[in-house]
C-alpha atoms as a PDB file:
ATOM      1  CA  UNK A   1      14.126 -36.940   4.202  1.00  0.00           C
ATOM      2  CA  UNK A   2      14.991 -32.798   4.332  1.00  0.00           C
ATOM      3  CA  UNK A   3      13.394 -29.919   5.568  1.00  0.00           C
ATOM      4  CA  UNK A   4      13.310 -27.819   3.353  1.00  0.00           C
ATOM      5  CA  UNK A   5      11.252 -29.798   0.683  1.00  0.00           C
ATOM      6  CA  UNK A   6       7.923 -28.613   2.826  1.00  0.00           C
ATOM      7  CA  UNK A   7       8.909 -24.937   3.142  1.00  0.00           C
ATOM      8  CA  UNK A   8       6.384 -23.610   0.673  1.00  0.00           C
ATOM      9  CA  UNK A   9       8.255 -20.805  -1.883  1.00  0.00           C
ATOM     10  CA  UNK A  10       7.389 -16.535  -0.161  1.00  0.00           C
ATOM     11  CA  UNK A  11       4.530 -16.329   2.607  1.00  0.00           C
ATOM     12  CA  UNK A  12       6.178 -13.498   4.098  1.00  0.00           C
ATOM     13  CA  UNK A  13       4.609 -10.078   4.745  1.00  0.00           C
ATOM     14  CA  UNK A  14       6.752  -8.782   1.800  1.00  0.00           C
ATOM     15  CA  UNK A  15       5.256 -11.764  -0.780  1.00  0.00           C
ATOM     16  CA  UNK A  16       1.696 -10.684  -0.424  1.00  0.00           C
ATOM     17  CA  UNK A  17       0.963  -8.481  -3.005  1.00  0.00           C
ATOM     18  CA  UNK A  18      -1.370  -5.928  -0.565  1.00  0.00           C
ATOM     19  CA  UNK A  19       2.082  -4.937   1.261  1.00  0.00           C
ATOM     20  CA  UNK A  20       4.038  -4.516  -1.983  1.00  0.00           C
ATOM     21  CA  UNK A  21       1.611  -2.162  -3.193  1.00  0.00           C
ATOM     22  CA  UNK A  22       1.661  -0.195   0.154  1.00  0.00           C
ATOM     23  CA  UNK A  23       5.634  -0.511   0.211  1.00  0.00           C
ATOM     24  CA  UNK A  24       5.263   1.493  -2.433  1.00  0.00           C
ATOM     25  CA  UNK A  25       3.231   3.988  -2.126  1.00  0.00           C
ATOM     26  CA  UNK A  26       5.163   4.483   1.188  1.00  0.00           C
ATOM     27  CA  UNK A  27       8.840   4.793  -0.575  1.00  0.00           C
ATOM     28  CA  UNK A  28       6.538   7.092  -2.344  1.00  0.00           C
ATOM     29  CA  UNK A  29       4.886   9.460   0.274  1.00  0.00           C
ATOM     30  CA  UNK A  30       9.132   9.255   2.500  1.00  0.00           C
ATOM     31  CA  UNK A  31      10.730  10.649  -0.992  1.00  0.00           C
ATOM     32  CA  UNK A  32       8.284  13.352  -1.071  1.00  0.00           C
ATOM     33  CA  UNK A  33       7.420  12.341  -4.717  1.00  0.00           C
ATOM     34  CA  UNK A  34       3.658  12.759  -2.466  1.00  0.00           C
ATOM     35  CA  UNK A  35       3.747  15.003  -0.385  1.00  0.00           C
ATOM     36  CA  UNK A  36       1.031  15.179   2.260  1.00  0.00           C
ATOM     37  CA  UNK A  37      -1.733  17.473   1.396  1.00  0.00           C
ATOM     38  CA  UNK A  38      -1.723  15.110  -2.574  1.00  0.00           C
ATOM     39  CA  UNK A  39      -4.633  13.568  -3.566  1.00  0.00           C
ATOM     40  CA  UNK A  40      -4.432  10.190  -4.170  1.00  0.00           C
ATOM     41  CA  UNK A  41      -6.217   8.373  -7.701  1.00  0.00           C
ATOM     42  CA  UNK A  42      -8.650   6.271  -6.917  1.00  0.00           C
ATOM     43  CA  UNK A  43      -8.586   2.977  -5.819  1.00  0.00           C
ATOM     44  CA  UNK A  44     -10.544   1.065  -9.443  1.00  0.00           C
ATOM     45  CA  UNK A  45      -7.711   3.367 -11.023  1.00  0.00           C
ATOM     46  CA  UNK A  46      -4.946   2.345  -8.618  1.00  0.00           C
ATOM     47  CA  UNK A  47      -5.648  -1.200  -8.733  1.00  0.00           C
ATOM     48  CA  UNK A  48      -5.887  -0.110 -12.820  1.00  0.00           C
ATOM     49  CA  UNK A  49      -1.981   1.613 -12.365  1.00  0.00           C
ATOM     50  CA  UNK A  50      -0.504  -2.147 -10.367  1.00  0.00           C
ATOM     51  CA  UNK A  51      -2.220  -4.123 -12.229  1.00  0.00           C
ATOM     52  CA  UNK A  52      -3.568  -5.836  -9.123  1.00  0.00           C
ATOM     53  CA  UNK A  53      -7.345  -6.652  -7.994  1.00  0.00           C
ATOM     54  CA  UNK A  54      -9.527  -3.705  -6.573  1.00  0.00           C
ATOM     55  CA  UNK A  55      -9.448  -5.588  -3.353  1.00  0.00           C
ATOM     56  CA  UNK A  56      -5.762  -6.100  -3.298  1.00  0.00           C
ATOM     57  CA  UNK A  57      -5.810  -2.148  -3.269  1.00  0.00           C
ATOM     58  CA  UNK A  58      -8.459  -1.663  -0.858  1.00  0.00           C
ATOM     59  CA  UNK A  59      -6.453  -3.311   2.000  1.00  0.00           C
ATOM     60  CA  UNK A  60      -3.088  -1.875   1.065  1.00  0.00           C
ATOM     61  CA  UNK A  61      -4.661   1.487   1.209  1.00  0.00           C
ATOM     62  CA  UNK A  62      -6.224   0.411   5.058  1.00  0.00           C
ATOM     63  CA  UNK A  63      -3.020  -0.762   5.333  1.00  0.00           C
ATOM     64  CA  UNK A  64      -1.224   3.003   5.185  1.00  0.00           C
ATOM     65  CA  UNK A  65      -4.244   3.747   6.877  1.00  0.00           C
ATOM     66  CA  UNK A  66      -3.441   2.238   9.948  1.00  0.00           C
ATOM     67  CA  UNK A  67       0.532   3.292   9.412  1.00  0.00           C
ATOM     68  CA  UNK A  68      -0.652   7.041   9.409  1.00  0.00           C
ATOM     69  CA  UNK A  69       0.724   7.967   6.235  1.00  0.00           C
ATOM     70  CA  UNK A  70      -2.933   8.603   4.291  1.00  0.00           C
ATOM     71  CA  UNK A  71      -6.824   9.652   5.360  1.00  0.00           C
ATOM     72  CA  UNK A  72      -9.779   9.425   3.477  1.00  0.00           C
ATOM     73  CA  UNK A  73     -12.357  11.719   3.752  1.00  0.00           C
ATOM     74  CA  UNK A  74     -15.721  10.586   2.261  1.00  0.00           C
ATOM     75  CA  UNK A  75     -16.452  12.219  -0.871  1.00  0.00           C
ATOM     76  CA  UNK A  76     -13.432  13.896  -1.432  1.00  0.00           C
ATOM     77  CA  UNK A  77     -10.698  11.479  -1.702  1.00  0.00           C
ATOM     78  CA  UNK A  78      -7.714  10.091  -0.056  1.00  0.00           C
ATOM     79  CA  UNK A  79      -5.237  12.458   1.049  1.00  0.00           C
ATOM     80  CA  UNK A  80      -1.485  11.403   1.904  1.00  0.00           C
ATOM     81  CA  UNK A  81      -0.483  12.864   5.975  1.00  0.00           C
ATOM     82  CA  UNK A  82       3.026  12.682   5.624  1.00  0.00           C
ATOM     83  CA  UNK A  83       6.025  10.260   6.122  1.00  0.00           C
ATOM     84  CA  UNK A  84       5.973   8.274   9.141  1.00  0.00           C
ATOM     85  CA  UNK A  85       7.342   9.903  11.888  1.00  0.00           C
ATOM     86  CA  UNK A  86      10.337   7.960  14.128  1.00  0.00           C
END
């Protein structure tokens, strides 16, 4: 019996939908397409744009906050902070 017949496809972080969304937004921030101070669309709007569930977008936004790329101000929205500094 071969070892690879038991391995499931996917499962890496980059295969997770919320990571893919976060990585896309992070790339847009790094490229300057989304400049510091830019207010992002609502999570519900982003869910529609990306064709993903609302919960997936919420997890993506949480990941971007952890990376220090965005900040959310209650009642105002979510804003780009800037690209991560190396």
